[in-house]
C-alpha atoms as a PDB file:
ATOM      1  CA  UNK A   1      -8.036  25.930 -30.666  1.00  0.00           C
ATOM      2  CA  UNK A   2      -7.480  27.293 -27.165  1.00  0.00           C
ATOM      3  CA  UNK A   3     -11.185  26.865 -26.485  1.00  0.00           C
ATOM      4  CA  UNK A   4     -10.880  23.131 -27.259  1.00  0.00           C
ATOM      5  CA  UNK A   5      -8.069  22.787 -24.689  1.00  0.00           C
ATOM      6  CA  UNK A   6     -10.245  24.477 -22.047  1.00  0.00           C
ATOM      7  CA  UNK A   7     -13.186  22.164 -22.729  1.00  0.00           C
ATOM      8  CA  UNK A   8     -10.983  19.066 -22.791  1.00  0.00           C
ATOM      9  CA  UNK A   9      -9.536  19.945 -19.379  1.00  0.00           C
ATOM     10  CA  UNK A  10     -12.981  20.927 -18.092  1.00  0.00           C
ATOM     11  CA  UNK A  11     -14.480  17.582 -19.112  1.00  0.00           C
ATOM     12  CA  UNK A  12     -11.468  15.723 -17.702  1.00  0.00           C
ATOM     13  CA  UNK A  13     -12.697  16.613 -14.214  1.00  0.00           C
ATOM     14  CA  UNK A  14     -14.923  13.547 -14.665  1.00  0.00           C
ATOM     15  CA  UNK A  15     -12.515  10.713 -15.512  1.00  0.00           C
ATOM     16  CA  UNK A  16     -13.045   9.566 -19.075  1.00  0.00           C
ATOM     17  CA  UNK A  17     -15.203  12.497 -20.188  1.00  0.00           C
ATOM     18  CA  UNK A  18     -12.198  14.494 -21.415  1.00  0.00           C
ATOM     19  CA  UNK A  19     -11.007  11.533 -23.461  1.00  0.00           C
ATOM     20  CA  UNK A  20     -14.458  11.177 -24.966  1.00  0.00           C
ATOM     21  CA  UNK A  21     -14.444  14.881 -25.834  1.00  0.00           C
ATOM     22  CA  UNK A  22     -11.135  14.381 -27.671  1.00  0.00           C
ATOM     23  CA  UNK A  23     -12.616  11.443 -29.598  1.00  0.00           C
ATOM     24  CA  UNK A  24     -10.917   8.688 -27.586  1.00  0.00           C
ATOM     25  CA  UNK A  25     -14.198   7.001 -26.714  1.00  0.00           C
ATOM     26  CA  UNK A  26     -12.872   3.554 -25.821  1.00  0.00           C
ATOM     27  CA  UNK A  27     -10.203   4.859 -23.453  1.00  0.00           C
ATOM     28  CA  UNK A  28     -12.676   7.346 -21.973  1.00  0.00           C
ATOM     29  CA  UNK A  29     -15.265   4.661 -21.333  1.00  0.00           C
ATOM     30  CA  UNK A  30     -12.649   2.419 -19.718  1.00  0.00           C
ATOM     31  CA  UNK A  31     -11.474   5.198 -17.400  1.00  0.00           C
ATOM     32  CA  UNK A  32     -15.018   6.191 -16.500  1.00  0.00           C
ATOM     33  CA  UNK A  33     -15.970   2.582 -15.749  1.00  0.00           C
ATOM     34  CA  UNK A  34     -12.809   2.042 -13.691  1.00  0.00           C
ATOM     35  CA  UNK A  35     -13.473   5.228 -11.700  1.00  0.00           C
ATOM     36  CA  UNK A  36     -17.101   4.466 -10.878  1.00  0.00           C
ATOM     37  CA  UNK A  37     -16.424   0.768 -10.209  1.00  0.00           C
ATOM     38  CA  UNK A  38     -13.697   1.805  -7.731  1.00  0.00           C
ATOM     39  CA  UNK A  39     -16.188   4.128  -6.015  1.00  0.00           C
ATOM     40  CA  UNK A  40     -18.740   1.299  -5.896  1.00  0.00           C
ATOM     41  CA  UNK A  41     -16.259  -1.203  -4.448  1.00  0.00           C
ATOM     42  CA  UNK A  42     -15.025   1.305  -1.885  1.00  0.00           C
ATOM     43  CA  UNK A  43     -18.589   1.995  -0.796  1.00  0.00           C
ATOM     44  CA  UNK A  44     -19.942  -1.553  -0.770  1.00  0.00           C
ATOM     45  CA  UNK A  45     -16.882  -3.291   0.685  1.00  0.00           C
ATOM     46  CA  UNK A  46     -15.866  -0.419   2.990  1.00  0.00           C
ATOM     47  CA  UNK A  47     -12.250  -0.808   1.913  1.00  0.00           C
ATOM     48  CA  UNK A  48     -10.184   2.334   2.270  1.00  0.00           C
ATOM     49  CA  UNK A  49      -7.415   0.888   0.069  1.00  0.00           C
ATOM     50  CA  UNK A  50      -9.843   0.804  -2.868  1.00  0.00           C
ATOM     51  CA  UNK A  51     -10.897   4.358  -2.050  1.00  0.00           C
ATOM     52  CA  UNK A  52      -7.205   5.269  -2.332  1.00  0.00           C
ATOM     53  CA  UNK A  53      -7.321   4.353  -6.024  1.00  0.00           C
ATOM     54  CA  UNK A  54      -9.978   6.973  -6.769  1.00  0.00           C
ATOM     55  CA  UNK A  55      -7.672  10.043  -6.688  1.00  0.00           C
ATOM     56  CA  UNK A  56      -5.028   8.118  -8.651  1.00  0.00           C
ATOM     57  CA  UNK A  57      -7.546   7.383 -11.425  1.00  0.00           C
ATOM     58  CA  UNK A  58      -8.757  10.988 -11.354  1.00  0.00           C
ATOM     59  CA  UNK A  59      -5.239  12.489 -11.612  1.00  0.00           C
ATOM     60  CA  UNK A  60      -4.277  10.022 -14.343  1.00  0.00           C
ATOM     61  CA  UNK A  61      -7.336  11.048 -16.333  1.00  0.00           C
ATOM     62  CA  UNK A  62      -6.631  14.779 -16.039  1.00  0.00           C
ATOM     63  CA  UNK A  63      -2.950  14.519 -16.939  1.00  0.00           C
ATOM     64  CA  UNK A  64      -3.555  12.007 -19.736  1.00  0.00           C
ATOM     65  CA  UNK A  65      -6.146  14.293 -21.359  1.00  0.00           C
ATOM     66  CA  UNK A  66      -3.609  17.123 -21.250  1.00  0.00           C
ATOM     67  CA  UNK A  67      -0.925  14.863 -22.771  1.00  0.00           C
ATOM     68  CA  UNK A  68      -3.284  13.574 -25.483  1.00  0.00           C
ATOM     69  CA  UNK A  69      -4.257  17.147 -26.371  1.00  0.00           C
ATOM     70  CA  UNK A  70      -0.677  18.435 -26.513  1.00  0.00           C
ATOM     71  CA  UNK A  71       0.537  15.449 -28.551  1.00  0.00           C
ATOM     72  CA  UNK A  72      -2.472  15.908 -30.843  1.00  0.00           C
ATOM     73  CA  UNK A  73      -3.490  12.255 -30.502  1.00  0.00           C
ATOM     74  CA  UNK A  74      -5.855  11.449 -33.345  1.00  0.00           C
ATOM     75  CA  UNK A  75      -9.311  10.182 -32.385  1.00  0.00           C
ATOM     76  CA  UNK A  76      -9.685   6.444 -32.858  1.00  0.00           C
ATOM     77  CA  UNK A  77     -11.206   3.575 -30.957  1.00  0.00           C
ATOM     78  CA  UNK A  78      -7.987   1.560 -30.875  1.00  0.00           C
ATOM     79  CA  UNK A  79      -6.568   3.713 -28.080  1.00  0.00           C
ATOM     80  CA  UNK A  80      -7.237   2.038 -24.746  1.00  0.00           C
ATOM     81  CA  UNK A  81      -5.736   1.481 -21.332  1.00  0.00           C
ATOM     82  CA  UNK A  82      -3.056  -1.187 -21.433  1.00  0.00           C
ATOM     83  CA  UNK A  83      -4.039  -3.865 -18.906  1.00  0.00           C
ATOM     84  CA  UNK A  84      -1.829  -6.955 -18.925  1.00  0.00           C
ATOM     85  CA  UNK A  85      -3.912 -10.136 -19.005  1.00  0.00           C
ATOM     86  CA  UNK A  86      -1.048 -12.622 -18.983  1.00  0.00           C
ATOM     87  CA  UNK A  87       2.235 -13.115 -17.221  1.00  0.00           C
ATOM     88  CA  UNK A  88       3.516 -11.984 -13.856  1.00  0.00           C
ATOM     89  CA  UNK A  89       1.281  -8.901 -13.735  1.00  0.00           C
ATOM     90  CA  UNK A  90      -1.829 -11.090 -13.862  1.00  0.00           C
ATOM     91  CA  UNK A  91      -0.663 -13.059 -10.837  1.00  0.00           C
ATOM     92  CA  UNK A  92      -0.087  -9.826  -8.929  1.00  0.00           C
ATOM     93  CA  UNK A  93      -3.562  -8.634  -9.897  1.00  0.00           C
ATOM     94  CA  UNK A  94      -4.974 -11.994  -8.790  1.00  0.00           C
ATOM     95  CA  UNK A  95      -3.237 -11.699  -5.408  1.00  0.00           C
ATOM     96  CA  UNK A  96      -4.637  -8.191  -5.004  1.00  0.00           C
ATOM     97  CA  UNK A  97      -8.194  -9.412  -5.673  1.00  0.00           C
ATOM     98  CA  UNK A  98      -7.775 -12.360  -3.285  1.00  0.00           C
ATOM     99  CA  UNK A  99      -6.398 -10.016  -0.625  1.00  0.00           C
ATOM    100  CA  UNK A 100      -9.275  -7.556  -1.099  1.00  0.00           C
ATOM    101  CA  UNK A 101     -11.824 -10.376  -0.899  1.00  0.00           C
ATOM    102  CA  UNK A 102     -10.254 -11.813   2.250  1.00  0.00           C
ATOM    103  CA  UNK A 103     -10.106  -8.380   3.891  1.00  0.00           C
ATOM    104  CA  UNK A 104     -13.738  -7.801   2.956  1.00  0.00           C
ATOM    105  CA  UNK A 105     -14.861 -11.109   4.496  1.00  0.00           C
ATOM    106  CA  UNK A 106     -12.907 -10.479   7.675  1.00  0.00           C
ATOM    107  CA  UNK A 107     -14.006  -6.840   7.911  1.00  0.00           C
ATOM    108  CA  UNK A 108     -17.693  -7.313   7.107  1.00  0.00           C
ATOM    109  CA  UNK A 109     -18.468 -10.785   8.511  1.00  0.00           C
ATOM    110  CA  UNK A 110     -15.963 -12.016  11.078  1.00  0.00           C
ATOM    111  CA  UNK A 111     -15.194  -8.801  12.977  1.00  0.00           C
ATOM    112  CA  UNK A 112     -18.862  -7.798  13.430  1.00  0.00           C
ATOM    113  CA  UNK A 113     -19.476 -11.249  14.962  1.00  0.00           C
ATOM    114  CA  UNK A 114     -16.464 -10.893  17.261  1.00  0.00           C
ATOM    115  CA  UNK A 115     -17.495  -7.372  18.232  1.00  0.00           C
ATOM    116  CA  UNK A 116     -20.324  -8.792  20.332  1.00  0.00           C
ATOM    117  CA  UNK A 117     -17.849 -10.850  22.371  1.00  0.00           C
ATOM    118  CA  UNK A 118     -14.659  -8.770  22.424  1.00  0.00           C
ATOM    119  CA  UNK A 119     -15.552  -5.088  22.034  1.00  0.00           C
ATOM    120  CA  UNK A 120     -14.516  -2.532  19.467  1.00  0.00           C
ATOM    121  CA  UNK A 121     -11.122  -1.619  21.018  1.00  0.00           C
ATOM    122  CA  UNK A 122      -9.950  -5.220  20.927  1.00  0.00           C
ATOM    123  CA  UNK A 123     -11.232  -5.623  17.369  1.00  0.00           C
ATOM    124  CA  UNK A 124      -9.386  -2.443  16.338  1.00  0.00           C
ATOM    125  CA  UNK A 125      -6.156  -3.774  17.886  1.00  0.00           C
ATOM    126  CA  UNK A 126      -6.565  -7.119  16.101  1.00  0.00           C
ATOM    127  CA  UNK A 127      -7.167  -5.352  12.753  1.00  0.00           C
ATOM    128  CA  UNK A 128      -4.066  -3.211  13.221  1.00  0.00           C
ATOM    129  CA  UNK A 129      -1.979  -6.249  14.170  1.00  0.00           C
ATOM    130  CA  UNK A 130      -3.135  -8.298  11.191  1.00  0.00           C
ATOM    131  CA  UNK A 131      -2.558  -5.470   8.719  1.00  0.00           C
ATOM    132  CA  UNK A 132       0.873  -4.753  10.198  1.00  0.00           C
ATOM    133  CA  UNK A 133       1.822  -8.439   9.923  1.00  0.00           C
ATOM    134  CA  UNK A 134       0.681  -8.522   6.291  1.00  0.00           C
ATOM    135  CA  UNK A 135       2.792  -5.456   5.470  1.00  0.00           C
ATOM    136  CA  UNK A 136       5.819  -6.982   7.219  1.00  0.00           C
ATOM    137  CA  UNK A 137       5.454 -10.260   5.284  1.00  0.00           C
ATOM    138  CA  UNK A 138       5.074  -8.403   1.971  1.00  0.00           C
ATOM    139  CA  UNK A 139       8.105  -6.241   2.794  1.00  0.00           C
ATOM    140  CA  UNK A 140      10.211  -9.279   3.678  1.00  0.00           C
ATOM    141  CA  UNK A 141       9.134 -11.036   0.488  1.00  0.00           C
ATOM    142  CA  UNK A 142      10.144  -7.991  -1.567  1.00  0.00           C
ATOM    143  CA  UNK A 143      13.512  -7.699   0.193  1.00  0.00           C
ATOM    144  CA  UNK A 144      14.399 -11.395   0.061  1.00  0.00           C
ATOM    145  CA  UNK A 145      12.960 -12.044  -3.393  1.00  0.00           C
ATOM    146  CA  UNK A 146      13.512 -15.326  -5.187  1.00  0.00           C
ATOM    147  CA  UNK A 147      16.592 -17.446  -4.750  1.00  0.00           C
ATOM    148  CA  UNK A 148      18.589 -17.725  -7.956  1.00  0.00           C
ATOM    149  CA  UNK A 149      20.355 -20.967  -8.851  1.00  0.00           C
ATOM    150  CA  UNK A 150      23.992 -20.136  -9.591  1.00  0.00           C
ATOM    151  CA  UNK A 151      24.885 -23.542 -11.069  1.00  0.00           C
ATOM    152  CA  UNK A 152      23.583 -23.713 -14.666  1.00  0.00           C
ATOM    153  CA  UNK A 153      24.339 -27.457 -14.901  1.00  0.00           C
ATOM    154  CA  UNK A 154      21.663 -28.136 -12.240  1.00  0.00           C
ATOM    155  CA  UNK A 155      19.046 -26.740 -14.580  1.00  0.00           C
ATOM    156  CA  UNK A 156      19.878 -29.260 -17.307  1.00  0.00           C
ATOM    157  CA  UNK A 157      19.511 -32.352 -15.118  1.00  0.00           C
ATOM    158  CA  UNK A 158      16.047 -33.769 -14.620  1.00  0.00           C
ATOM    159  CA  UNK A 159      14.976 -34.414 -11.013  1.00  0.00           C
ATOM    160  CA  UNK A 160      14.668 -38.186 -11.502  1.00  0.00           C
ATOM    161  CA  UNK A 161      18.231 -38.617 -12.876  1.00  0.00           C
ATOM    162  CA  UNK A 162      20.149 -36.490 -10.379  1.00  0.00           C
ATOM    163  CA  UNK A 163      20.987 -39.391  -8.092  1.00  0.00           C
ATOM    164  CA  UNK A 164      21.718 -41.886 -10.895  1.00  0.00           C
ATOM    165  CA  UNK A 165      25.168 -42.354 -12.381  1.00  0.00           C
ATOM    166  CA  UNK A 166      25.797 -43.182 -16.070  1.00  0.00           C
END
């Protein structure tokens, strides 16, 4: 039994392989695909933020294999990674993809064109300024949040009848 734990942890060095060894093929395949797709995106798009996901996926895989082994999770193909496809999480994921696409266009198309005119130091300063502004806006949005309506009676009235009297 101890030998199985060693091999599970050994195979977990490649994300997904340890899960496959334990019989969790679907979850293993999902992790492996996520890991190699992240490497591909990081390489093709030259985005360091995508490259930052690679160690997170790797550590998750190693620790999840250990947890699955210790909890004696039974092999089945129903076990998978829970990815929300509806609700607020989907919007956040959509914003992340839009942001990554916009950064990729700016980084790979616009800045190389401007480099001919402005020079690499100016381009570097512009990149830093834009990224800093984006972080400030995101931080402010998180701090301020949404405004909550304190008057519940306002929610019951329709917008067209607010100004009318009965």
